[in-house]
Amino acid sequence: MIDILVPALVLSGIGFVLGLLIFVVEKYFHVEEDPHIDEVIELLPRYNCGACGHPGCREMAIALLDKKSKAAECKPIKKEALLILDEYLDNYFKNKQ
């Protein structure tokens, strides 16, 4: 019986210590992200197709907010969604100044 309990207790202890370490690291090294990135991602089609030249919609959203890309570079976006995205970005840049 003790042959089973010792490894189980050791693994439980290691799991607890590593979980505590993850908690502490997340607490002290947490990076706040711009909430506008998630809002722009919601306006994109979210296909992560890479047709725009970016690896996915998240990177495209970051590039749009940094003015490194234009919304029209997104190939699968519908015209109505493109108009909404352009309006959102115009408002974002006006409020940012």
Protein backbone atom coordinates (compact mmCIF):
# COMPACT_ATOMS: atom_id res chain seq x y z
CA MET A 1 0.00 0.00 0.00
CA ILE A 2 2.82 2.40 0.85
CA ASP A 3 4.36 1.65 -2.56
CA ILE A 4 1.36 3.36 -4.14
CA LEU A 5 0.94 6.26 -1.69
CA VAL A 6 4.52 7.61 -1.80
CA PRO A 7 4.60 8.26 -5.59
CA ALA A 8 1.06 9.65 -5.48
CA LEU A 9 1.98 12.07 -2.69
CA VAL A 10 5.21 13.10 -4.43
CA LEU A 11 3.39 13.80 -7.69
CA SER A 12 0.65 15.68 -5.84
CA GLY A 13 3.27 17.81 -4.09
CA ILE A 14 5.05 18.56 -7.37
CA GLY A 15 1.73 19.47 -9.00
CA PHE A 16 0.85 21.79 -6.12
CA VAL A 17 4.23 23.55 -6.21
CA LEU A 18 4.12 23.99 -9.99
CA GLY A 19 0.53 25.26 -9.85
CA LEU A 20 1.54 27.77 -7.17
CA LEU A 21 4.51 28.84 -9.31
CA ILE A 22 2.25 29.38 -12.33
CA PHE A 23 -0.11 31.48 -10.20
CA VAL A 24 2.72 33.68 -8.89
CA VAL A 25 4.31 34.15 -12.32
CA GLU A 26 0.94 35.10 -13.87
CA LYS A 27 0.29 37.56 -11.05
CA TYR A 28 3.58 39.41 -11.42
CA PHE A 29 4.17 39.14 -15.17
CA HIS A 30 0.63 39.74 -16.42
CA VAL A 31 0.48 42.03 -19.46
CA GLU A 32 -2.60 44.17 -20.06
CA GLU A 33 -3.75 44.04 -23.65
CA ASP A 34 -5.63 46.69 -25.57
CA PRO A 35 -9.35 45.79 -25.41
CA HIS A 36 -9.83 47.28 -28.88
CA ILE A 37 -7.98 44.30 -30.37
CA ASP A 38 -10.79 41.94 -29.36
CA GLU A 39 -13.40 44.38 -30.67
CA VAL A 40 -11.69 44.55 -34.07
CA ILE A 41 -11.38 40.75 -34.16
CA GLU A 42 -15.15 40.53 -33.66
CA LEU A 43 -15.64 42.76 -36.71
CA LEU A 44 -13.37 40.61 -38.89
CA PRO A 45 -14.69 37.37 -40.43
CA ARG A 46 -12.42 35.30 -38.11
CA TYR A 47 -11.45 32.74 -40.76
CA ASN A 48 -7.73 33.01 -39.89
CA CYS A 49 -7.11 32.35 -43.58
CA GLY A 50 -3.99 34.49 -43.99
CA ALA A 51 -5.26 35.99 -47.26
CA CYS A 52 -4.49 39.47 -45.92
CA GLY A 53 -0.81 38.62 -45.47
CA HIS A 54 -1.05 38.18 -41.70
CA PRO A 55 -0.97 34.79 -39.95
CA GLY A 56 -4.44 35.27 -38.50
CA CYS A 57 -7.19 37.71 -37.60
CA ARG A 58 -5.56 38.67 -34.30
CA GLU A 59 -2.41 39.86 -36.05
CA MET A 60 -4.54 41.64 -38.66
CA ALA A 61 -6.43 43.44 -35.89
CA ILE A 62 -3.19 44.55 -34.27
CA ALA A 63 -1.88 45.78 -37.63
CA LEU A 64 -5.13 47.69 -38.27
CA LEU A 65 -4.90 49.45 -34.90
CA ASP A 66 -1.24 50.29 -35.55
CA LYS A 67 -2.11 51.65 -39.02
CA LYS A 68 0.17 49.07 -40.66
CA SER A 69 -2.66 47.56 -42.70
CA LYS A 70 -5.93 48.63 -44.26
CA ALA A 71 -9.25 46.90 -43.65
CA ALA A 72 -9.68 46.32 -47.39
CA GLU A 73 -6.71 43.90 -47.30
CA CYS A 74 -9.01 41.35 -45.66
CA LYS A 75 -10.17 39.33 -48.66
CA PRO A 76 -13.15 37.36 -47.25
CA ILE A 77 -14.80 40.29 -45.43
CA LYS A 78 -18.23 41.27 -46.73
CA LYS A 79 -18.84 44.85 -47.91
CA GLU A 80 -21.28 45.62 -45.10
CA ALA A 81 -18.82 44.37 -42.50
CA LEU A 82 -16.02 46.32 -44.18
CA LEU A 83 -18.03 49.53 -43.86
CA ILE A 84 -18.69 48.85 -40.18
CA LEU A 85 -15.01 48.06 -39.58
CA ASP A 86 -13.87 51.22 -41.39
CA GLU A 87 -16.30 53.29 -39.31
CA TYR A 88 -15.06 51.69 -36.09
CA LEU A 89 -11.43 52.35 -37.02
CA ASP A 90 -12.21 55.97 -37.99
CA ASN A 91 -13.83 56.54 -34.60
CA TYR A 92 -10.94 54.80 -32.85
CA PHE A 93 -8.33 57.01 -34.49
CA LYS A 94 -10.37 60.19 -33.91
CA ASN A 95 -10.73 59.40 -30.20
CA LYS A 96 -7.07 58.42 -29.91
CA GLN A 97 -5.82 61.88 -30.89
